[in-house]
């Protein structure tokens, strides 16, 4: 894998009280789909299956303009993406993702994320 390959960042966050049973399967399936591109050196996959807010922030800042895809799967509401040990607020997440100059695609697989989409577009 090339050290400067574009990054596909896959973030997953589950909850113990309202466990999403298919989250691990989604992570595995996405990895299997993207892995041939990684093997060919076309992308680098960064996958966090228990994504915490501080780790997510650090990873996104470190990845910078190389991040071309951000995928989140987990619980969400109109104001927050629920991460392990905390939540990413809609406006803060939009500002953080908006600083990633190479970002081409954002996938938010959580309930009630329409407000997040509007914040990202703004």
N, C-alpha and C. Protein backbone atom coordinates (compact mmCIF):
# COMPACT_ATOMS: atom_id res chain seq x y z
N UNK A 1 0.83 -1.17 0.00
CA UNK A 1 0.00 0.00 0.00
C UNK A 1 0.88 1.24 0.00
N UNK A 2 0.57 2.17 -0.86
CA UNK A 2 1.34 3.40 -0.94
C UNK A 2 1.10 4.26 0.29
N UNK A 3 2.18 4.85 0.80
CA UNK A 3 2.09 5.66 2.02
C UNK A 3 1.24 6.91 1.82
N UNK A 4 1.06 7.32 0.57
CA UNK A 4 0.27 8.51 0.31
C UNK A 4 -1.06 8.20 -0.39
N UNK A 5 -1.50 6.95 -0.29
CA UNK A 5 -2.77 6.54 -0.92
C UNK A 5 -3.94 7.27 -0.27
N UNK A 6 -4.98 7.57 -1.04
CA UNK A 6 -6.18 8.16 -0.46
C UNK A 6 -6.75 7.24 0.62
N UNK A 7 -7.37 7.83 1.63
CA UNK A 7 -7.87 7.06 2.76
C UNK A 7 -9.40 6.96 2.72
N UNK A 8 -9.88 5.73 2.88
CA UNK A 8 -11.30 5.47 3.12
C UNK A 8 -11.43 5.25 4.62
N UNK A 9 -12.08 6.17 5.32
CA UNK A 9 -12.20 6.11 6.77
C UNK A 9 -13.56 5.56 7.14
N UNK A 10 -13.57 4.41 7.80
CA UNK A 10 -14.80 3.73 8.19
C UNK A 10 -14.92 3.76 9.70
N UNK A 11 -15.92 4.47 10.21
CA UNK A 11 -16.11 4.63 11.65
C UNK A 11 -17.40 3.95 12.08
N UNK A 12 -17.30 3.10 13.09
CA UNK A 12 -18.45 2.38 13.63
C UNK A 12 -18.49 2.58 15.13
N UNK A 13 -19.68 2.82 15.66
CA UNK A 13 -19.83 3.00 17.11
C UNK A 13 -21.12 2.33 17.54
N UNK A 14 -21.00 1.43 18.48
CA UNK A 14 -22.16 0.71 18.98
C UNK A 14 -22.45 1.14 20.40
N UNK A 15 -23.62 0.77 20.88
CA UNK A 15 -24.00 1.06 22.26
C UNK A 15 -24.33 -0.26 22.94
N UNK A 16 -24.02 -0.33 24.21
CA UNK A 16 -24.31 -1.58 24.93
C UNK A 16 -25.79 -1.68 25.28
N UNK A 17 -26.46 -0.55 25.51
CA UNK A 17 -27.86 -0.62 25.90
C UNK A 17 -28.81 -0.84 24.71
N UNK A 18 -28.52 -0.25 23.58
CA UNK A 18 -29.33 -0.46 22.37
C UNK A 18 -28.37 -0.92 21.28
N UNK A 19 -27.97 -2.18 21.38
CA UNK A 19 -26.94 -2.75 20.52
C UNK A 19 -27.44 -2.91 19.07
N UNK A 20 -26.65 -2.46 18.13
CA UNK A 20 -26.96 -2.63 16.71
C UNK A 20 -26.31 -3.93 16.24
N UNK A 21 -27.11 -4.95 16.06
CA UNK A 21 -26.59 -6.29 15.79
C UNK A 21 -25.86 -6.41 14.45
N UNK A 22 -26.24 -5.62 13.47
CA UNK A 22 -25.65 -5.76 12.14
C UNK A 22 -24.43 -4.87 11.92
N UNK A 23 -24.04 -4.11 12.92
CA UNK A 23 -22.93 -3.18 12.75
C UNK A 23 -21.61 -3.88 12.41
N UNK A 24 -21.30 -4.94 13.11
CA UNK A 24 -20.06 -5.68 12.86
C UNK A 24 -20.08 -6.28 11.44
N UNK A 25 -21.23 -6.78 11.04
CA UNK A 25 -21.36 -7.33 9.70
C UNK A 25 -21.17 -6.24 8.64
N UNK A 26 -21.70 -5.05 8.88
CA UNK A 26 -21.53 -3.94 7.94
C UNK A 26 -20.05 -3.58 7.82
N UNK A 27 -19.36 -3.54 8.94
CA UNK A 27 -17.93 -3.24 8.93
C UNK A 27 -17.17 -4.27 8.11
N UNK A 28 -17.45 -5.53 8.35
CA UNK A 28 -16.76 -6.61 7.63
C UNK A 28 -17.06 -6.55 6.14
N UNK A 29 -18.32 -6.33 5.77
CA UNK A 29 -18.71 -6.29 4.36
C UNK A 29 -18.04 -5.13 3.63
N UNK A 30 -18.05 -3.95 4.24
CA UNK A 30 -17.39 -2.80 3.60
C UNK A 30 -15.90 -3.05 3.42
N UNK A 31 -15.27 -3.64 4.45
CA UNK A 31 -13.85 -3.94 4.34
C UNK A 31 -13.60 -4.92 3.19
N UNK A 32 -14.41 -5.96 3.08
CA UNK A 32 -14.24 -6.94 2.01
C UNK A 32 -14.42 -6.32 0.62
N UNK A 33 -15.32 -5.35 0.52
CA UNK A 33 -15.55 -4.67 -0.76
C UNK A 33 -14.36 -3.79 -1.13
N UNK A 34 -13.82 -3.07 -0.15
CA UNK A 34 -12.75 -2.11 -0.40
C UNK A 34 -11.35 -2.72 -0.38
N UNK A 35 -11.19 -3.86 0.25
CA UNK A 35 -9.86 -4.46 0.43
C UNK A 35 -9.10 -4.70 -0.87
N UNK A 36 -9.74 -5.14 -1.96
CA UNK A 36 -8.99 -5.30 -3.21
C UNK A 36 -8.35 -3.98 -3.69
N UNK A 37 -9.01 -2.85 -3.45
CA UNK A 37 -8.43 -1.55 -3.81
C UNK A 37 -7.22 -1.24 -2.94
N UNK A 38 -7.31 -1.63 -1.67
CA UNK A 38 -6.16 -1.44 -0.78
C UNK A 38 -5.00 -2.36 -1.20
N UNK A 39 -5.31 -3.60 -1.53
CA UNK A 39 -4.27 -4.55 -1.96
C UNK A 39 -3.56 -4.06 -3.22
N UNK A 40 -4.30 -3.35 -4.06
CA UNK A 40 -3.72 -2.81 -5.30
C UNK A 40 -3.01 -1.48 -5.07
N UNK A 41 -3.01 -0.97 -3.84
CA UNK A 41 -2.35 0.29 -3.54
C UNK A 41 -3.12 1.53 -3.95
N UNK A 42 -4.40 1.36 -4.25
CA UNK A 42 -5.20 2.49 -4.73
C UNK A 42 -5.81 3.30 -3.59
N UNK A 43 -6.06 2.65 -2.45
CA UNK A 43 -6.57 3.34 -1.26
C UNK A 43 -5.94 2.71 -0.02
N UNK A 44 -6.07 3.41 1.08
CA UNK A 44 -5.74 2.87 2.39
C UNK A 44 -7.04 2.86 3.20
N UNK A 45 -7.33 1.77 3.84
CA UNK A 45 -8.54 1.67 4.64
C UNK A 45 -8.18 1.92 6.09
N UNK A 46 -8.89 2.84 6.71
CA UNK A 46 -8.76 3.08 8.15
C UNK A 46 -10.11 2.72 8.74
N UNK A 47 -10.15 1.67 9.54
CA UNK A 47 -11.42 1.17 10.08
C UNK A 47 -11.37 1.19 11.59
N UNK A 48 -12.32 1.91 12.19
CA UNK A 48 -12.46 1.97 13.63
C UNK A 48 -13.81 1.35 14.00
N UNK A 49 -13.78 0.18 14.61
CA UNK A 49 -15.03 -0.50 14.96
C UNK A 49 -15.59 -0.08 16.31
N UNK A 50 -14.82 0.59 17.11
CA UNK A 50 -15.29 1.11 18.39
C UNK A 50 -14.83 2.56 18.49
N UNK A 51 -15.36 3.38 17.63
CA UNK A 51 -14.85 4.73 17.43
C UNK A 51 -15.26 5.66 18.58
N UNK A 52 -14.27 6.26 19.21
CA UNK A 52 -14.48 7.25 20.25
C UNK A 52 -14.23 8.64 19.67
N UNK A 53 -14.86 9.64 20.25
CA UNK A 53 -14.80 11.00 19.72
C UNK A 53 -13.38 11.54 19.63
N UNK A 54 -12.59 11.40 20.69
CA UNK A 54 -11.23 11.95 20.65
C UNK A 54 -10.36 11.23 19.63
N UNK A 55 -10.54 9.92 19.49
CA UNK A 55 -9.79 9.16 18.48
C UNK A 55 -10.21 9.58 17.08
N UNK A 56 -11.51 9.75 16.87
CA UNK A 56 -12.00 10.16 15.56
C UNK A 56 -11.42 11.51 15.17
N UNK A 57 -11.44 12.44 16.08
CA UNK A 57 -10.90 13.77 15.80
C UNK A 57 -9.42 13.67 15.41
N UNK A 58 -8.65 12.97 16.23
CA UNK A 58 -7.22 12.83 15.95
C UNK A 58 -6.95 12.14 14.63
N UNK A 59 -7.70 11.09 14.34
CA UNK A 59 -7.50 10.35 13.09
C UNK A 59 -7.86 11.19 11.87
N UNK A 60 -8.95 11.96 11.96
CA UNK A 60 -9.34 12.78 10.83
C UNK A 60 -8.35 13.92 10.60
N UNK A 61 -7.88 14.53 11.66
CA UNK A 61 -6.88 15.59 11.52
C UNK A 61 -5.59 15.02 10.93
N UNK A 62 -5.17 13.86 11.44
CA UNK A 62 -3.93 13.24 10.95
C UNK A 62 -4.06 12.82 9.48
N UNK A 63 -5.22 12.33 9.08
CA UNK A 63 -5.42 11.90 7.70
C UNK A 63 -5.51 13.05 6.73
N UNK A 64 -6.01 14.18 7.21
CA UNK A 64 -6.07 15.41 6.43
C UNK A 64 -6.65 15.25 5.04
N UNK A 65 -5.94 15.83 4.08
CA UNK A 65 -6.45 15.86 2.70
C UNK A 65 -6.42 14.49 2.03
N UNK A 66 -5.79 13.50 2.65
CA UNK A 66 -5.78 12.15 2.06
C UNK A 66 -7.12 11.45 2.24
N UNK A 67 -7.94 11.89 3.18
CA UNK A 67 -9.24 11.23 3.41
C UNK A 67 -10.19 11.63 2.30
N UNK A 68 -10.64 10.63 1.53
CA UNK A 68 -11.56 10.88 0.42
C UNK A 68 -12.96 10.34 0.71
N UNK A 69 -13.06 9.42 1.66
CA UNK A 69 -14.35 8.81 2.02
C UNK A 69 -14.45 8.75 3.53
N UNK A 70 -15.57 9.23 4.06
CA UNK A 70 -15.86 9.08 5.48
C UNK A 70 -17.20 8.36 5.60
N UNK A 71 -17.19 7.23 6.27
CA UNK A 71 -18.39 6.43 6.47
C UNK A 71 -18.61 6.27 7.97
N UNK A 72 -19.79 6.66 8.45
CA UNK A 72 -20.16 6.48 9.85
C UNK A 72 -21.35 5.55 9.92
N UNK A 73 -21.30 4.59 10.83
CA UNK A 73 -22.45 3.73 11.11
C UNK A 73 -22.60 3.60 12.61
N UNK A 74 -23.78 3.87 13.08
CA UNK A 74 -24.08 3.80 14.50
C UNK A 74 -25.33 4.60 14.81
N UNK A 75 -25.56 4.81 16.08
CA UNK A 75 -26.72 5.59 16.50
C UNK A 75 -26.49 7.07 16.20
N UNK A 76 -27.57 7.75 15.86
CA UNK A 76 -27.51 9.18 15.60
C UNK A 76 -28.88 9.78 15.86
N UNK A 77 -28.89 11.07 16.11
CA UNK A 77 -30.15 11.79 16.14
C UNK A 77 -29.92 13.08 15.35
N UNK A 78 -30.85 13.98 15.36
CA UNK A 78 -30.72 15.19 14.57
C UNK A 78 -29.57 16.09 14.96
N UNK A 79 -29.04 15.90 16.16
CA UNK A 79 -27.98 16.78 16.64
C UNK A 79 -26.63 16.12 16.83
N UNK A 80 -26.58 14.77 16.93
CA UNK A 80 -25.32 14.11 17.29
C UNK A 80 -25.15 12.78 16.56
N UNK A 81 -23.89 12.47 16.31
CA UNK A 81 -23.51 11.10 15.95
C UNK A 81 -23.00 10.48 17.24
N UNK A 82 -23.60 9.40 17.66
CA UNK A 82 -23.23 8.77 18.92
C UNK A 82 -21.96 7.95 18.74
N UNK A 83 -20.92 8.37 19.41
CA UNK A 83 -19.64 7.67 19.37
C UNK A 83 -19.41 7.03 20.73
N UNK A 84 -18.46 6.16 20.83
CA UNK A 84 -18.21 5.50 22.10
C UNK A 84 -17.56 6.49 23.07
N UNK A 85 -18.18 6.65 24.21
CA UNK A 85 -17.66 7.58 25.21
C UNK A 85 -18.03 9.03 24.96
N UNK A 86 -18.97 9.29 24.08
CA UNK A 86 -19.38 10.66 23.80
C UNK A 86 -20.05 10.78 22.45
N UNK A 87 -20.39 11.99 22.10
CA UNK A 87 -21.10 12.22 20.84
C UNK A 87 -20.42 13.34 20.06
N UNK A 88 -20.51 13.24 18.75
CA UNK A 88 -20.01 14.29 17.87
C UNK A 88 -21.18 15.16 17.45
N UNK A 89 -21.18 16.41 17.88
CA UNK A 89 -22.26 17.33 17.54
C UNK A 89 -22.31 17.61 16.05
N UNK A 90 -23.51 17.86 15.57
CA UNK A 90 -23.73 18.08 14.13
C UNK A 90 -22.85 19.18 13.56
N UNK A 91 -22.84 20.34 14.17
CA UNK A 91 -22.07 21.47 13.64
C UNK A 91 -20.56 21.22 13.74
N UNK A 92 -20.12 20.66 14.85
CA UNK A 92 -18.69 20.38 15.01
C UNK A 92 -18.21 19.34 14.02
N UNK A 93 -19.01 18.29 13.82
CA UNK A 93 -18.63 17.25 12.85
C UNK A 93 -18.60 17.85 11.44
N UNK A 94 -19.56 18.70 11.12
CA UNK A 94 -19.59 19.31 9.79
C UNK A 94 -18.36 20.19 9.58
N UNK A 95 -17.97 20.96 10.60
CA UNK A 95 -16.77 21.79 10.48
C UNK A 95 -15.52 20.93 10.31
N UNK A 96 -15.43 19.87 11.11
CA UNK A 96 -14.26 18.98 11.03
C UNK A 96 -14.17 18.33 9.65
N UNK A 97 -15.26 17.75 9.18
CA UNK A 97 -15.25 17.12 7.86
C UNK A 97 -15.04 18.14 6.75
N UNK A 98 -15.54 19.34 6.95
CA UNK A 98 -15.38 20.41 5.95
C UNK A 98 -13.94 20.85 5.78
N UNK A 99 -13.09 20.57 6.77
CA UNK A 99 -11.67 20.93 6.67
C UNK A 99 -10.87 19.90 5.88
N UNK A 100 -11.48 18.78 5.53
CA UNK A 100 -10.78 17.72 4.79
C UNK A 100 -10.87 18.03 3.30
N UNK A 101 -9.85 18.65 2.77
CA UNK A 101 -9.87 19.16 1.39
C UNK A 101 -10.10 18.07 0.35
N UNK A 102 -9.68 16.84 0.61
CA UNK A 102 -9.81 15.78 -0.38
C UNK A 102 -11.11 14.98 -0.25
N UNK A 103 -11.93 15.29 0.73
CA UNK A 103 -13.15 14.51 0.99
C UNK A 103 -14.11 14.59 -0.19
N UNK A 104 -14.50 13.42 -0.69
CA UNK A 104 -15.40 13.34 -1.84
C UNK A 104 -16.77 12.76 -1.48
N UNK A 105 -16.81 11.89 -0.46
CA UNK A 105 -18.04 11.19 -0.14
C UNK A 105 -18.17 11.01 1.36
N UNK A 106 -19.36 11.32 1.89
CA UNK A 106 -19.70 11.10 3.29
C UNK A 106 -20.93 10.22 3.32
N UNK A 107 -20.84 9.13 4.08
CA UNK A 107 -21.99 8.23 4.27
C UNK A 107 -22.31 8.24 5.76
N UNK A 108 -23.56 8.58 6.09
CA UNK A 108 -24.01 8.58 7.47
C UNK A 108 -25.10 7.53 7.61
N UNK A 109 -24.75 6.40 8.16
CA UNK A 109 -25.71 5.31 8.34
C UNK A 109 -26.16 5.31 9.79
N UNK A 110 -27.08 6.19 10.08
CA UNK A 110 -27.67 6.32 11.40
C UNK A 110 -29.03 6.98 11.27
N UNK A 111 -29.86 6.84 12.27
CA UNK A 111 -31.19 7.45 12.25
C UNK A 111 -31.08 8.97 12.29
N UNK A 112 -32.01 9.63 11.69
CA UNK A 112 -32.21 11.09 11.81
C UNK A 112 -30.96 11.89 11.47
N UNK A 113 -30.31 11.59 10.37
CA UNK A 113 -29.09 12.32 10.00
C UNK A 113 -29.33 13.41 8.95
N UNK A 114 -30.59 13.68 8.60
CA UNK A 114 -30.88 14.72 7.58
C UNK A 114 -30.28 16.05 8.00
N UNK A 115 -30.38 16.42 9.27
CA UNK A 115 -29.81 17.69 9.74
C UNK A 115 -28.31 17.71 9.59
N UNK A 116 -27.68 16.58 9.74
CA UNK A 116 -26.23 16.49 9.54
C UNK A 116 -25.87 16.74 8.09
N UNK A 117 -26.67 16.21 7.19
CA UNK A 117 -26.42 16.40 5.76
C UNK A 117 -26.52 17.89 5.41
N UNK A 118 -27.54 18.56 5.94
CA UNK A 118 -27.69 19.99 5.67
C UNK A 118 -26.50 20.78 6.22
N UNK A 119 -26.03 20.42 7.41
CA UNK A 119 -24.87 21.10 7.98
C UNK A 119 -23.62 20.86 7.13
N UNK A 120 -23.46 19.64 6.62
CA UNK A 120 -22.30 19.34 5.76
C UNK A 120 -22.37 20.15 4.47
N UNK A 121 -23.54 20.25 3.89
CA UNK A 121 -23.68 21.00 2.64
C UNK A 121 -23.45 22.48 2.84
N UNK A 122 -23.84 23.00 4.01
CA UNK A 122 -23.60 24.42 4.31
C UNK A 122 -22.13 24.67 4.43
